[in-house]
Amino acid sequence: MTEHEPELFWDSTYAIVVALMEHHPQRRPETVGLEELTALVESLPGFQDDPALLNERLLLDILTVWYEEAT
């Protein structure tokens, strides 16, 4: 993790969205499923959270904010 990458946790919705847009600019949120979103988030630099804490609501929140920021 570089000094410029924030630590990310499942409930860091907006920070995750910013990181997704930065690291995956070619991806559109409306084409990403929940399983793929999980993998994208977990692969982000700075992601530190426990996968066991994940739930569908968190993923849907991330997708919603990502869609709103991308459009």
Protein backbone atom coordinates (compact mmCIF):
# COMPACT_ATOMS: atom_id res chain seq x y z
CA MET A 1 0.00 0.00 0.00
CA THR A 2 1.40 3.40 -0.90
CA GLU A 3 1.10 6.43 1.31
CA HIS A 4 -1.54 7.78 -1.10
CA GLU A 5 -3.85 4.77 -0.82
CA PRO A 6 -6.39 5.01 2.00
CA GLU A 7 -7.20 2.01 4.13
CA LEU A 8 -10.52 0.69 2.88
CA PHE A 9 -13.17 -1.17 4.83
CA TRP A 10 -16.55 -2.54 3.71
CA ASP A 11 -18.40 0.42 5.20
CA SER A 12 -16.10 2.97 3.47
CA THR A 13 -18.60 3.16 0.62
CA TYR A 14 -17.58 6.45 -0.96
CA ALA A 15 -13.83 5.77 -0.65
CA ILE A 16 -14.34 2.34 -2.24
CA VAL A 17 -16.27 3.92 -5.12
CA VAL A 18 -13.52 6.49 -5.70
CA ALA A 19 -10.93 3.71 -5.71
CA LEU A 20 -13.02 1.58 -8.10
CA MET A 21 -13.37 4.50 -10.51
CA GLU A 22 -9.63 5.17 -10.32
CA HIS A 23 -8.44 1.56 -10.65
CA HIS A 24 -11.15 0.27 -13.01
CA PRO A 25 -12.13 3.28 -15.17
CA GLN A 26 -13.31 1.02 -17.98
CA ARG A 27 -15.88 -0.72 -15.76
CA ARG A 28 -19.49 0.45 -15.60
CA PRO A 29 -21.37 -0.28 -12.36
CA GLU A 30 -24.50 -1.41 -14.20
CA THR A 31 -22.53 -4.31 -15.74
CA VAL A 32 -20.93 -5.55 -12.51
CA GLY A 33 -22.58 -8.32 -10.52
CA LEU A 34 -22.29 -8.70 -6.77
CA GLU A 35 -19.77 -11.55 -6.95
CA GLU A 36 -17.55 -9.60 -9.34
CA LEU A 37 -17.93 -6.46 -7.23
CA THR A 38 -16.70 -8.39 -4.21
CA ALA A 39 -13.58 -9.46 -6.10
CA LEU A 40 -12.97 -5.92 -7.42
CA VAL A 41 -13.25 -4.38 -3.95
CA GLU A 42 -11.08 -7.02 -2.28
CA SER A 43 -8.36 -6.46 -4.91
CA LEU A 44 -8.20 -2.69 -4.35
CA PRO A 45 -4.94 -1.37 -2.91
CA GLY A 46 -5.54 -0.54 0.73
CA PHE A 47 -8.49 -2.86 1.24
CA GLN A 48 -8.10 -4.17 4.79
CA ASP A 49 -11.44 -5.61 5.89
CA ASP A 50 -12.51 -9.12 6.78
CA PRO A 51 -14.44 -10.81 3.93
CA ALA A 52 -16.66 -12.42 6.58
CA LEU A 53 -18.13 -8.99 7.42
CA LEU A 54 -19.52 -8.54 3.91
CA ASN A 55 -23.25 -8.59 3.26
CA GLU A 56 -25.49 -7.89 0.28
CA ARG A 57 -26.62 -4.52 1.64
CA LEU A 58 -23.03 -3.23 1.69
CA LEU A 59 -22.50 -4.37 -1.90
CA LEU A 60 -25.75 -2.78 -3.05
CA ASP A 61 -24.79 0.48 -1.32
CA ILE A 62 -21.43 0.46 -3.12
CA LEU A 63 -23.11 -0.22 -6.47
CA THR A 64 -25.67 2.54 -5.91
CA VAL A 65 -23.07 5.18 -5.04
CA TRP A 66 -20.82 4.00 -7.91
CA TYR A 67 -23.72 4.34 -10.35
CA GLU A 68 -24.60 7.80 -9.03
CA GLU A 69 -20.98 8.97 -9.31
CA ALA A 70 -20.50 7.48 -12.78
CA THR A 71 -23.61 9.04 -14.33
